[in-house]
Amino acid sequence: MLRRLMCAAATIVATSAMAGNGRIIAIGDEWLVSDLAFATQPAQSKQLTDNIAKFFTDDSPSRMLVWSTSGPLMGSERGVRGVAFANRLHELGHTLDVNPSAPFTLATLRNYRAVFLAGLSGSGSEHAQVLEAYVREGGNVIVMAGTGDIGGAPTEAGQWNYFLNKFGLAFGDTWFVYGSSLITVPTLPSANPLGKLITHVQWGYGQTVYSTQPGNPLVEIAVYGDFTGLTPPPPGSAVQPIIGTVNILTKCLGDLDNNGMVNDEDFVIFVQHYNLLLCEDASMPPACPSDFNADGVVDDVDFTIFIQSYDLPICL
């Protein structure tokens, strides 16, 4: 079994080195990093922007692409088109190209470390195929909903879900509408790096972000909003998921010796657990640490998750 696993490791690591590990952020409302948000709650808007940049680049100066049809409302540039948002990314050492004349193709996206999308730009089934290929090659994508640029909430969600569903995320099909004004929404504490130091966000017409693969540890809800006491309330619970992520390693999956890295030492430990197979085996360590998808066995599914962790060895 060890020989088979090592051969599989060589194959998957080689593939991973070419494919990389892309990351996705889905945000249910574009007002969170709007110019108005930066004006009314500058520290929080700056922190969220910093969290996004670090999540995609790990503080490495990078070239990014903004593609959005969401123009200004109420005298404020919204979401990825925000001037203050762009200025903060520039301060962090990144460069941005906004709405280029180039075609929306994989060849174009490959020129950028991250692509920021809102509105019609990049939406729909045809663009979803481009975005999926880009992410699987190691590209990073942020999508903001709630823009109203693609019809109502069900239409906007449907157009983006062609892409998001490929990776276990989806936008909900209902806006939480609170009249013509924007509101400040408290957030719940989160261990996710995107939720770091975020206590509240700005909200307008927005929608949920939820996981379609609750058993997938690489899909996480990063931030929940607390809409308690607001009228009308959101559908279901007052606490709603508003920022979701794909392929983040906040739990540092694969760091089995807890040294902050996923490396060969962790592989040796994983092999031992893989050979035992069953979590109920008396020789398996408590909590069955290599059973990443929590299905009671340490098998090829867990090995695939381990290799993804191995390809991004530094724990966040």
C-alpha atoms as a PDB file:
ATOM      1  CA  MET A   1       0.000   0.000   0.000  1.00  0.00           C
ATOM      2  CA  LEU A   2       2.849   2.396   0.822  1.00  0.00           C
ATOM      3  CA  ARG A   3       4.405   1.881  -2.630  1.00  0.00           C
ATOM      4  CA  ARG A   4       1.028   2.584  -4.275  1.00  0.00           C
ATOM      5  CA  LEU A   5       0.561   5.729  -2.216  1.00  0.00           C
ATOM      6  CA  MET A   6       4.042   7.034  -2.977  1.00  0.00           C
ATOM      7  CA  CYS A   7       3.544   6.472  -6.708  1.00  0.00           C
ATOM      8  CA  ALA A   8       0.233   8.278  -6.522  1.00  0.00           C
ATOM      9  CA  ALA A   9       1.906  11.090  -4.598  1.00  0.00           C
ATOM     10  CA  ALA A  10       4.524  11.563  -7.301  1.00  0.00           C
ATOM     11  CA  THR A  11       1.826  11.802  -9.953  1.00  0.00           C
ATOM     12  CA  ILE A  12      -0.432  14.181  -8.050  1.00  0.00           C
ATOM     13  CA  VAL A  13       2.372  16.442  -6.837  1.00  0.00           C
ATOM     14  CA  ALA A  14       3.654  16.767 -10.397  1.00  0.00           C
ATOM     15  CA  THR A  15       0.167  17.674 -11.581  1.00  0.00           C
ATOM     16  CA  SER A  16      -0.335  20.100  -8.694  1.00  0.00           C
ATOM     17  CA  ALA A  17       2.902  21.879  -9.464  1.00  0.00           C
ATOM     18  CA  MET A  18       1.480  22.737 -12.853  1.00  0.00           C
ATOM     19  CA  ALA A  19      -2.122  23.326 -11.814  1.00  0.00           C
ATOM     20  CA  GLY A  20      -1.467  25.264  -8.629  1.00  0.00           C
ATOM     21  CA  ASN A  21      -4.154  25.984  -6.087  1.00  0.00           C
ATOM     22  CA  GLY A  22      -6.500  28.814  -6.989  1.00  0.00           C
ATOM     23  CA  ARG A  23      -8.684  30.522  -4.437  1.00  0.00           C
ATOM     24  CA  ILE A  24     -12.157  31.998  -4.638  1.00  0.00           C
ATOM     25  CA  ILE A  25     -13.954  34.629  -2.575  1.00  0.00           C
ATOM     26  CA  ALA A  26     -17.700  35.135  -2.997  1.00  0.00           C
ATOM     27  CA  ILE A  27     -19.216  38.205  -1.312  1.00  0.00           C
ATOM     28  CA  GLY A  28     -22.984  38.680  -1.150  1.00  0.00           C
ATOM     29  CA  ASP A  29     -22.996  42.465  -1.509  1.00  0.00           C
ATOM     30  CA  GLU A  30     -20.732  44.907  -3.315  1.00  0.00           C
ATOM     31  CA  TRP A  31     -21.173  47.706  -0.766  1.00  0.00           C
ATOM     32  CA  LEU A  32     -18.752  46.075   1.688  1.00  0.00           C
ATOM     33  CA  VAL A  33     -15.714  47.753   0.083  1.00  0.00           C
ATOM     34  CA  SER A  34     -17.465  50.663  -1.622  1.00  0.00           C
ATOM     35  CA  ASP A  35     -16.174  54.221  -1.371  1.00  0.00           C
ATOM     36  CA  LEU A  36     -19.053  54.942   1.001  1.00  0.00           C
ATOM     37  CA  ALA A  37     -17.965  52.064   3.249  1.00  0.00           C
ATOM     38  CA  PHE A  38     -14.419  53.452   3.312  1.00  0.00           C
ATOM     39  CA  ALA A  39     -15.837  56.877   4.243  1.00  0.00           C
ATOM     40  CA  THR A  40     -18.179  55.697   7.013  1.00  0.00           C
ATOM     41  CA  GLN A  41     -16.151  52.803   8.466  1.00  0.00           C
ATOM     42  CA  PRO A  42     -12.602  53.244   7.162  1.00  0.00           C
ATOM     43  CA  ALA A  43     -10.817  50.917   9.583  1.00  0.00           C
ATOM     44  CA  GLN A  44     -13.119  47.979   8.842  1.00  0.00           C
ATOM     45  CA  SER A  45     -13.097  48.530   5.074  1.00  0.00           C
ATOM     46  CA  LYS A  46      -9.315  48.796   5.076  1.00  0.00           C
ATOM     47  CA  GLN A  47      -9.024  45.621   7.159  1.00  0.00           C
ATOM     48  CA  LEU A  48     -11.293  43.641   4.833  1.00  0.00           C
ATOM     49  CA  THR A  49      -9.318  44.846   1.810  1.00  0.00           C
ATOM     50  CA  ASP A  50      -6.061  43.841   3.517  1.00  0.00           C
ATOM     51  CA  ASN A  51      -7.508  40.414   4.330  1.00  0.00           C
ATOM     52  CA  ILE A  52      -8.558  39.895   0.715  1.00  0.00           C
ATOM     53  CA  ALA A  53      -5.150  40.923  -0.625  1.00  0.00           C
ATOM     54  CA  LYS A  54      -3.266  38.661   1.786  1.00  0.00           C
ATOM     55  CA  PHE A  55      -5.568  35.745   1.069  1.00  0.00           C
ATOM     56  CA  PHE A  56      -4.773  35.968  -2.645  1.00  0.00           C
ATOM     57  CA  THR A  57      -1.119  37.025  -2.611  1.00  0.00           C
ATOM     58  CA  ASP A  58       0.383  36.349   0.839  1.00  0.00           C
ATOM     59  CA  ASP A  59       1.689  39.946   0.764  1.00  0.00           C
ATOM     60  CA  SER A  60       3.544  39.444  -2.519  1.00  0.00           C
ATOM     61  CA  PRO A  61       3.129  42.500  -4.828  1.00  0.00           C
ATOM     62  CA  SER A  62       0.930  41.295  -7.652  1.00  0.00           C
ATOM     63  CA  ARG A  63      -0.838  42.378 -10.800  1.00  0.00           C
ATOM     64  CA  MET A  64      -4.620  42.242 -10.507  1.00  0.00           C
ATOM     65  CA  LEU A  65      -7.542  42.725 -12.865  1.00  0.00           C
ATOM     66  CA  VAL A  66     -10.828  44.500 -12.137  1.00  0.00           C
ATOM     67  CA  TRP A  67     -13.706  43.722 -14.485  1.00  0.00           C
ATOM     68  CA  SER A  68     -17.050  45.216 -13.509  1.00  0.00           C
ATOM     69  CA  THR A  69     -20.134  46.864 -14.982  1.00  0.00           C
ATOM     70  CA  SER A  70     -21.314  48.075 -11.564  1.00  0.00           C
ATOM     71  CA  GLY A  71     -21.188  51.847 -11.792  1.00  0.00           C
ATOM     72  CA  PRO A  72     -21.643  54.379  -8.983  1.00  0.00           C
ATOM     73  CA  LEU A  73     -24.826  54.711  -6.913  1.00  0.00           C
ATOM     74  CA  MET A  74     -25.675  57.353  -4.299  1.00  0.00           C
ATOM     75  CA  GLY A  75     -22.487  59.166  -5.285  1.00  0.00           C
ATOM     76  CA  SER A  76     -20.304  56.171  -4.397  1.00  0.00           C
ATOM     77  CA  GLU A  77     -18.257  53.801  -6.496  1.00  0.00           C
ATOM     78  CA  ARG A  78     -19.179  50.273  -5.493  1.00  0.00           C
ATOM     79  CA  GLY A  79     -17.281  47.088  -4.782  1.00  0.00           C
ATOM     80  CA  VAL A  80     -14.354  46.218  -6.992  1.00  0.00           C
ATOM     81  CA  ARG A  81     -14.745  49.555  -8.809  1.00  0.00           C
ATOM     82  CA  GLY A  82     -14.211  51.491  -5.581  1.00  0.00           C
ATOM     83  CA  VAL A  83     -11.530  54.170  -5.737  1.00  0.00           C
ATOM     84  CA  ALA A  84     -10.635  53.751  -2.066  1.00  0.00           C
ATOM     85  CA  PHE A  85     -10.485  49.972  -2.511  1.00  0.00           C
ATOM     86  CA  ALA A  86      -8.064  50.402  -5.427  1.00  0.00           C
ATOM     87  CA  ASN A  87      -5.987  52.959  -3.537  1.00  0.00           C
ATOM     88  CA  ARG A  88      -5.567  50.577  -0.616  1.00  0.00           C
ATOM     89  CA  LEU A  89      -4.437  47.777  -2.913  1.00  0.00           C
ATOM     90  CA  HIS A  90      -1.931  50.177  -4.483  1.00  0.00           C
ATOM     91  CA  GLU A  91      -0.648  51.074  -0.995  1.00  0.00           C
ATOM     92  CA  LEU A  92      -0.073  47.368  -0.405  1.00  0.00           C
ATOM     93  CA  GLY A  93       2.133  47.230  -3.504  1.00  0.00           C
ATOM     94  CA  HIS A  94      -0.306  45.767  -6.016  1.00  0.00           C
ATOM     95  CA  THR A  95      -1.150  47.049  -9.489  1.00  0.00           C
ATOM     96  CA  LEU A  96      -4.638  47.054 -10.999  1.00  0.00           C
ATOM     97  CA  ASP A  97      -5.927  47.068 -14.556  1.00  0.00           C
ATOM     98  CA  VAL A  98      -9.571  48.128 -14.786  1.00  0.00           C
ATOM     99  CA  ASN A  99     -11.992  47.005 -17.510  1.00  0.00           C
ATOM    100  CA  PRO A 100      -9.414  46.345 -20.245  1.00  0.00           C
ATOM    101  CA  SER A 101     -10.361  46.088 -23.897  1.00  0.00           C
ATOM    102  CA  ALA A 102      -8.853  42.586 -24.040  1.00  0.00           C
ATOM    103  CA  PRO A 103     -11.223  39.634 -24.556  1.00  0.00           C
ATOM    104  CA  PHE A 104     -12.425  37.630 -21.563  1.00  0.00           C
ATOM    105  CA  THR A 105     -10.271  34.586 -22.229  1.00  0.00           C
ATOM    106  CA  LEU A 106      -7.983  32.311 -20.267  1.00  0.00           C
ATOM    107  CA  ALA A 107      -5.013  33.817 -22.102  1.00  0.00           C
ATOM    108  CA  THR A 108      -5.990  37.259 -20.787  1.00  0.00           C
ATOM    109  CA  LEU A 109      -6.595  36.128 -17.204  1.00  0.00           C
ATOM    110  CA  ARG A 110      -3.254  34.325 -17.064  1.00  0.00           C
ATOM    111  CA  ASN A 111      -1.565  37.720 -16.964  1.00  0.00           C
ATOM    112  CA  TYR A 112      -2.985  38.384 -13.495  1.00  0.00           C
ATOM    113  CA  ARG A 113      -2.602  36.942 -10.014  1.00  0.00           C
ATOM    114  CA  ALA A 114      -6.232  37.753  -9.186  1.00  0.00           C
ATOM    115  CA  VAL A 115      -9.396  38.805 -11.015  1.00  0.00           C
ATOM    116  CA  PHE A 116     -12.084  40.921  -9.300  1.00  0.00           C
ATOM    117  CA  LEU A 117     -15.600  40.680 -10.773  1.00  0.00           C
ATOM    118  CA  ALA A 118     -19.016  42.291 -10.227  1.00  0.00           C
ATOM    119  CA  GLY A 119     -22.044  42.843 -12.421  1.00  0.00           C
ATOM    120  CA  LEU A 120     -22.256  41.386 -15.909  1.00  0.00           C
ATOM    121  CA  SER A 121     -18.520  41.087 -16.454  1.00  0.00           C
ATOM    122  CA  GLY A 122     -17.415  37.458 -16.288  1.00  0.00           C
ATOM    123  CA  SER A 123     -20.869  36.078 -15.503  1.00  0.00           C
ATOM    124  CA  GLY A 124     -22.751  33.318 -17.318  1.00  0.00           C
ATOM    125  CA  SER A 125     -22.005  29.779 -18.407  1.00  0.00           C
ATOM    126  CA  GLU A 126     -19.469  30.631 -21.137  1.00  0.00           C
ATOM    127  CA  HIS A 127     -17.348  32.768 -18.828  1.00  0.00           C
ATOM    128  CA  ALA A 128     -17.689  30.154 -16.081  1.00  0.00           C
ATOM    129  CA  GLN A 129     -15.629  27.750 -18.139  1.00  0.00           C
ATOM    130  CA  VAL A 130     -12.860  30.351 -18.487  1.00  0.00           C
ATOM    131  CA  LEU A 131     -12.915  31.139 -14.779  1.00  0.00           C
ATOM    132  CA  GLU A 132     -12.882  27.481 -13.805  1.00  0.00           C
ATOM    133  CA  ALA A 133      -9.816  26.826 -15.962  1.00  0.00           C
ATOM    134  CA  TYR A 134      -8.120  29.922 -14.530  1.00  0.00           C
ATOM    135  CA  VAL A 135      -8.699  28.829 -10.927  1.00  0.00           C
ATOM    136  CA  ARG A 136      -7.567  25.280 -11.623  1.00  0.00           C
ATOM    137  CA  GLU A 137      -4.315  26.714 -12.997  1.00  0.00           C
ATOM    138  CA  GLY A 138      -3.775  28.644  -9.762  1.00  0.00           C
ATOM    139  CA  GLY A 139      -5.597  31.923 -10.432  1.00  0.00           C
ATOM    140  CA  ASN A 140      -7.626  33.747  -7.783  1.00  0.00           C
ATOM    141  CA  VAL A 141     -11.139  35.114  -8.268  1.00  0.00           C
ATOM    142  CA  ILE A 142     -13.387  37.365  -6.216  1.00  0.00           C
ATOM    143  CA  VAL A 143     -17.060  37.716  -7.163  1.00  0.00           C
ATOM    144  CA  MET A 144     -19.433  40.278  -5.629  1.00  0.00           C
ATOM    145  CA  ALA A 145     -23.205  39.909  -5.923  1.00  0.00           C
ATOM    146  CA  GLY A 146     -26.126  42.161  -5.001  1.00  0.00           C
ATOM    147  CA  THR A 147     -25.354  44.598  -7.810  1.00  0.00           C
ATOM    148  CA  GLY A 148     -28.690  44.533  -9.639  1.00  0.00           C
ATOM    149  CA  ASP A 149     -26.808  44.577 -12.946  1.00  0.00           C
ATOM    150  CA  ILE A 150     -28.082  41.138 -13.997  1.00  0.00           C
ATOM    151  CA  GLY A 151     -31.760  41.462 -13.187  1.00  0.00           C
ATOM    152  CA  GLY A 152     -33.117  40.377  -9.803  1.00  0.00           C
ATOM    153  CA  ALA A 153     -31.436  38.301  -7.132  1.00  0.00           C
ATOM    154  CA  PRO A 154     -32.378  34.895  -8.633  1.00  0.00           C
ATOM    155  CA  THR A 155     -30.957  35.853 -12.025  1.00  0.00           C
ATOM    156  CA  GLU A 156     -27.755  37.290 -10.571  1.00  0.00           C
ATOM    157  CA  ALA A 157     -27.237  34.222  -8.399  1.00  0.00           C
ATOM    158  CA  GLY A 158     -27.951  31.890 -11.305  1.00  0.00           C
ATOM    159  CA  GLN A 159     -25.459  33.572 -13.604  1.00  0.00           C
ATOM    160  CA  TRP A 160     -22.626  33.358 -11.056  1.00  0.00           C
ATOM    161  CA  ASN A 161     -23.522  29.907  -9.796  1.00  0.00           C
ATOM    162  CA  TYR A 162     -22.442  28.395 -13.123  1.00  0.00           C
ATOM    163  CA  PHE A 163     -18.921  29.121 -11.871  1.00  0.00           C
ATOM    164  CA  LEU A 164     -19.288  28.934  -8.084  1.00  0.00           C
ATOM    165  CA  ASN A 165     -21.049  25.570  -8.096  1.00  0.00           C
ATOM    166  CA  LYS A 166     -17.978  23.986  -9.693  1.00  0.00           C
ATOM    167  CA  PHE A 167     -16.137  24.634  -6.442  1.00  0.00           C
ATOM    168  CA  GLY A 168     -18.854  24.126  -3.822  1.00  0.00           C
ATOM    169  CA  LEU A 169     -20.208  27.660  -3.362  1.00  0.00           C
ATOM    170  CA  ALA A 170     -23.405  29.435  -4.415  1.00  0.00           C
ATOM    171  CA  PHE A 171     -25.186  32.755  -4.046  1.00  0.00           C
ATOM    172  CA  GLY A 172     -28.675  32.699  -2.560  1.00  0.00           C
ATOM    173  CA  ASP A 173     -31.552  33.878  -4.749  1.00  0.00           C
ATOM    174  CA  THR A 174     -33.056  36.485  -2.373  1.00  0.00           C
ATOM    175  CA  TRP A 175     -31.908  40.032  -1.668  1.00  0.00           C
ATOM    176  CA  PHE A 176     -32.142  41.411   1.860  1.00  0.00           C
ATOM    177  CA  VAL A 177     -33.510  44.869   1.040  1.00  0.00           C
ATOM    178  CA  TYR A 178     -33.629  47.582   3.672  1.00  0.00           C
ATOM    179  CA  GLY A 179     -35.226  50.526   1.928  1.00  0.00           C
ATOM    180  CA  SER A 180     -33.058  53.028   0.115  1.00  0.00           C
ATOM    181  CA  SER A 181     -30.424  53.384   2.837  1.00  0.00           C
ATOM    182  CA  LEU A 182     -27.366  51.341   3.630  1.00  0.00           C
ATOM    183  CA  ILE A 183     -26.968  49.728   7.022  1.00  0.00           C
ATOM    184  CA  THR A 184     -24.160  48.575   9.271  1.00  0.00           C
ATOM    185  CA  VAL A 185     -24.355  44.850   9.981  1.00  0.00           C
ATOM    186  CA  PRO A 186     -22.474  43.249  12.897  1.00  0.00           C
ATOM    187  CA  THR A 187     -20.460  40.161  12.008  1.00  0.00           C
ATOM    188  CA  LEU A 188     -19.746  37.051  14.031  1.00  0.00           C
ATOM    189  CA  PRO A 189     -16.212  36.106  15.073  1.00  0.00           C
ATOM    190  CA  SER A 190     -14.414  33.945  12.544  1.00  0.00           C
ATOM    191  CA  ALA A 191     -11.191  31.950  12.522  1.00  0.00           C
ATOM    192  CA  ASN A 192     -11.063  32.400   8.771  1.00  0.00           C
ATOM    193  CA  PRO A 193      -8.351  34.852   7.606  1.00  0.00           C
ATOM    194  CA  LEU A 194     -10.932  36.875   5.680  1.00  0.00           C
ATOM    195  CA  GLY A 195     -12.806  37.508   8.925  1.00  0.00           C
ATOM    196  CA  LYS A 196      -9.719  38.677  10.809  1.00  0.00           C
ATOM    197  CA  LEU A 197     -10.608  41.740  12.953  1.00  0.00           C
ATOM    198  CA  ILE A 198     -13.891  42.259  11.067  1.00  0.00           C
ATOM    199  CA  THR A 199     -16.668  43.258  13.491  1.00  0.00           C
ATOM    200  CA  HIS A 200     -19.148  44.894  11.101  1.00  0.00           C
ATOM    201  CA  VAL A 201     -19.724  45.558   7.413  1.00  0.00           C
ATOM    202  CA  GLN A 202     -21.824  47.855   5.247  1.00  0.00           C
ATOM    203  CA  TRP A 203     -24.852  46.294   3.549  1.00  0.00           C
ATOM    204  CA  GLY A 204     -27.325  47.343   0.881  1.00  0.00           C
ATOM    205  CA  TYR A 205     -29.116  44.994  -1.486  1.00  0.00           C
ATOM    206  CA  GLY A 206     -27.307  41.737  -0.842  1.00  0.00           C
ATOM    207  CA  GLN A 207     -27.701  37.975  -0.793  1.00  0.00           C
ATOM    208  CA  THR A 208     -26.312  34.948   1.031  1.00  0.00           C
ATOM    209  CA  VAL A 209     -23.249  32.919   0.143  1.00  0.00           C
ATOM    210  CA  TYR A 210     -23.543  29.264   1.078  1.00  0.00           C
ATOM    211  CA  SER A 211     -21.667  26.009   0.669  1.00  0.00           C
ATOM    212  CA  THR A 212     -23.107  23.345  -1.620  1.00  0.00           C
ATOM    213  CA  GLN A 213     -20.521  20.864  -0.320  1.00  0.00           C
ATOM    214  CA  PRO A 214     -20.807  20.968   3.488  1.00  0.00           C
ATOM    215  CA  GLY A 215     -18.533  17.939   3.783  1.00  0.00           C
ATOM    216  CA  ASN A 216     -15.698  19.586   1.846  1.00  0.00           C
ATOM    217  CA  PRO A 217     -13.180  21.082   4.307  1.00  0.00           C
ATOM    218  CA  LEU A 218     -11.720  23.316   1.599  1.00  0.00           C
ATOM    219  CA  VAL A 219     -15.004  25.246   1.275  1.00  0.00           C
ATOM    220  CA  GLU A 220     -15.707  27.595   4.167  1.00  0.00           C
ATOM    221  CA  ILE A 221     -18.011  30.413   5.138  1.00  0.00           C
ATOM    222  CA  ALA A 222     -15.646  33.136   6.218  1.00  0.00           C
ATOM    223  CA  VAL A 223     -18.047  35.772   7.566  1.00  0.00           C
ATOM    224  CA  TYR A 224     -21.605  35.674   8.894  1.00  0.00           C
ATOM    225  CA  GLY A 225     -23.738  38.789   9.220  1.00  0.00           C
ATOM    226  CA  ASP A 226     -26.118  39.295  12.156  1.00  0.00           C
ATOM    227  CA  PHE A 227     -29.319  40.853  10.807  1.00  0.00           C
ATOM    228  CA  THR A 228     -31.209  40.553  14.121  1.00  0.00           C
ATOM    229  CA  GLY A 229     -33.950  43.126  14.587  1.00  0.00           C
ATOM    230  CA  LEU A 230     -33.942  44.401  11.029  1.00  0.00           C
ATOM    231  CA  THR A 231     -37.156  44.792   9.058  1.00  0.00           C
ATOM    232  CA  PRO A 232     -37.849  42.974   6.882  1.00  0.00           C
ATOM    233  CA  PRO A 233     -35.695  40.130   8.238  1.00  0.00           C
ATOM    234  CA  PRO A 234     -33.710  37.894   5.895  1.00  0.00           C
ATOM    235  CA  PRO A 235     -35.312  34.573   5.009  1.00  0.00           C
ATOM    236  CA  GLY A 236     -34.775  31.960   7.698  1.00  0.00           C
ATOM    237  CA  SER A 237     -32.342  32.784  10.477  1.00  0.00           C
ATOM    238  CA  ALA A 238     -31.306  36.345  11.307  1.00  0.00           C
ATOM    239  CA  VAL A 239     -27.689  35.177  11.076  1.00  0.00           C
ATOM    240  CA  GLN A 240     -26.718  34.692   7.443  1.00  0.00           C
ATOM    241  CA  PRO A 241     -23.501  33.700   5.596  1.00  0.00           C
ATOM    242  CA  ILE A 242     -22.275  36.675   3.556  1.00  0.00           C
ATOM    243  CA  ILE A 243     -18.674  35.814   2.537  1.00  0.00           C
ATOM    244  CA  GLY A 244     -17.607  32.356   1.357  1.00  0.00           C
ATOM    245  CA  THR A 245     -14.239  30.989   0.318  1.00  0.00           C
ATOM    246  CA  VAL A 246     -12.740  28.016  -1.510  1.00  0.00           C
ATOM    247  CA  ASN A 247      -9.384  26.300  -0.907  1.00  0.00           C
ATOM    248  CA  ILE A 248      -8.268  28.130   2.170  1.00  0.00           C
ATOM    249  CA  LEU A 249      -6.194  26.212   4.653  1.00  0.00           C
ATOM    250  CA  THR A 250      -7.180  27.966   7.879  1.00  0.00           C
ATOM    251  CA  LYS A 251      -7.295  24.604   9.614  1.00  0.00           C
ATOM    252  CA  CYS A 252      -3.894  23.882   8.070  1.00  0.00           C
ATOM    253  CA  LEU A 253      -5.070  20.520   6.807  1.00  0.00           C
ATOM    254  CA  GLY A 254      -2.130  18.189   6.468  1.00  0.00           C
ATOM    255  CA  ASP A 255       0.022  19.784   9.190  1.00  0.00           C
ATOM    256  CA  LEU A 256      -0.075  16.599  11.227  1.00  0.00           C
ATOM    257  CA  ASP A 257       2.946  17.421  13.383  1.00  0.00           C
ATOM    258  CA  ASN A 258       1.672  20.969  14.098  1.00  0.00           C
ATOM    259  CA  ASN A 259       4.852  22.768  13.103  1.00  0.00           C
ATOM    260  CA  GLY A 260       3.165  25.321  10.826  1.00  0.00           C
ATOM    261  CA  MET A 261       4.095  23.627   7.563  1.00  0.00           C
ATOM    262  CA  VAL A 262       2.883  20.709   5.453  1.00  0.00           C
ATOM    263  CA  ASN A 263       5.985  18.780   4.387  1.00  0.00           C
ATOM    264  CA  ASP A 264       7.582  15.339   4.105  1.00  0.00           C
ATOM    265  CA  GLU A 265       7.348  14.712   7.846  1.00  0.00           C
ATOM    266  CA  ASP A 266       3.573  15.099   7.623  1.00  0.00           C
ATOM    267  CA  PHE A 267       3.504  12.717   4.661  1.00  0.00           C
ATOM    268  CA  VAL A 268       5.173  10.008   6.729  1.00  0.00           C
ATOM    269  CA  ILE A 269       2.528  10.454   9.442  1.00  0.00           C
ATOM    270  CA  PHE A 270      -0.275  10.428   6.877  1.00  0.00           C
ATOM    271  CA  VAL A 271       1.007   7.141   5.406  1.00  0.00           C
ATOM    272  CA  GLN A 272       0.785   5.524   8.830  1.00  0.00           C
ATOM    273  CA  HIS A 273      -2.843   6.627   9.203  1.00  0.00           C
ATOM    274  CA  TYR A 274      -3.619   5.641   5.615  1.00  0.00           C
ATOM    275  CA  ASN A 275      -2.348   2.119   6.252  1.00  0.00           C
ATOM    276  CA  LEU A 276      -4.580   1.825   9.317  1.00  0.00           C
ATOM    277  CA  LEU A 277      -7.555   3.041   7.226  1.00  0.00           C
ATOM    278  CA  LEU A 278     -10.330   2.909   9.846  1.00  0.00           C
ATOM    279  CA  CYS A 279     -10.694   5.710  12.366  1.00  0.00           C
ATOM    280  CA  GLU A 280     -12.075   3.195  14.849  1.00  0.00           C
ATOM    281  CA  ASP A 281      -8.824   1.201  14.721  1.00  0.00           C
ATOM    282  CA  ALA A 282      -7.324   1.121  18.216  1.00  0.00           C
ATOM    283  CA  SER A 283      -3.944   2.167  16.789  1.00  0.00           C
ATOM    284  CA  MET A 284      -5.351   5.325  15.152  1.00  0.00           C
ATOM    285  CA  PRO A 285      -4.511   8.515  17.087  1.00  0.00           C
ATOM    286  CA  PRO A 286      -7.394  10.235  18.918  1.00  0.00           C
ATOM    287  CA  ALA A 287      -9.713  12.321  16.702  1.00  0.00           C
ATOM    288  CA  CYS A 288      -8.374  10.551  13.590  1.00  0.00           C
ATOM    289  CA  PRO A 289      -6.423  13.641  12.407  1.00  0.00           C
ATOM    290  CA  SER A 290      -5.886  12.435   8.822  1.00  0.00           C
ATOM    291  CA  ASP A 291      -9.600  11.907   8.188  1.00  0.00           C
ATOM    292  CA  PHE A 292      -9.939  15.362   6.661  1.00  0.00           C
ATOM    293  CA  ASN A 293     -13.456  14.872   5.307  1.00  0.00           C
ATOM    294  CA  ALA A 294     -14.683  13.221   8.527  1.00  0.00           C
ATOM    295  CA  ASP A 295     -16.164  10.100   6.935  1.00  0.00           C
ATOM    296  CA  GLY A 296     -14.598   7.616   9.339  1.00  0.00           C
ATOM    297  CA  VAL A 297     -11.787   6.370   7.090  1.00  0.00           C
ATOM    298  CA  VAL A 298      -8.414   7.653   5.925  1.00  0.00           C
ATOM    299  CA  ASP A 299      -8.554   6.932   2.225  1.00  0.00           C
ATOM    300  CA  ASP A 300      -7.792   8.350  -1.226  1.00  0.00           C
ATOM    301  CA  VAL A 301     -10.168  11.281  -0.709  1.00  0.00           C
ATOM    302  CA  ASP A 302      -8.136  12.370   2.308  1.00  0.00           C
ATOM    303  CA  PHE A 303      -4.948  11.824   0.355  1.00  0.00           C
ATOM    304  CA  THR A 304      -6.165  14.192  -2.380  1.00  0.00           C
ATOM    305  CA  ILE A 305      -6.903  16.840   0.258  1.00  0.00           C
ATOM    306  CA  PHE A 306      -3.472  16.264   1.823  1.00  0.00           C
ATOM    307  CA  ILE A 307      -1.744  16.831  -1.518  1.00  0.00           C
ATOM    308  CA  GLN A 308      -3.608  20.124  -1.956  1.00  0.00           C
ATOM    309  CA  SER A 309      -2.321  21.163   1.452  1.00  0.00           C
ATOM    310  CA  TYR A 310       1.172  19.988   0.526  1.00  0.00           C
ATOM    311  CA  ASP A 311       1.189  22.202  -2.572  1.00  0.00           C
ATOM    312  CA  LEU A 312       0.600  25.231  -0.319  1.00  0.00           C
ATOM    313  CA  PRO A 313       2.949  24.321   2.514  1.00  0.00           C
ATOM    314  CA  ILE A 314       2.810  27.502   4.615  1.00  0.00           C
ATOM    315  CA  CYS A 315      -0.084  27.492   7.077  1.00  0.00           C
ATOM    316  CA  LEU A 316      -2.163  30.688   7.214  1.00  0.00           C
END
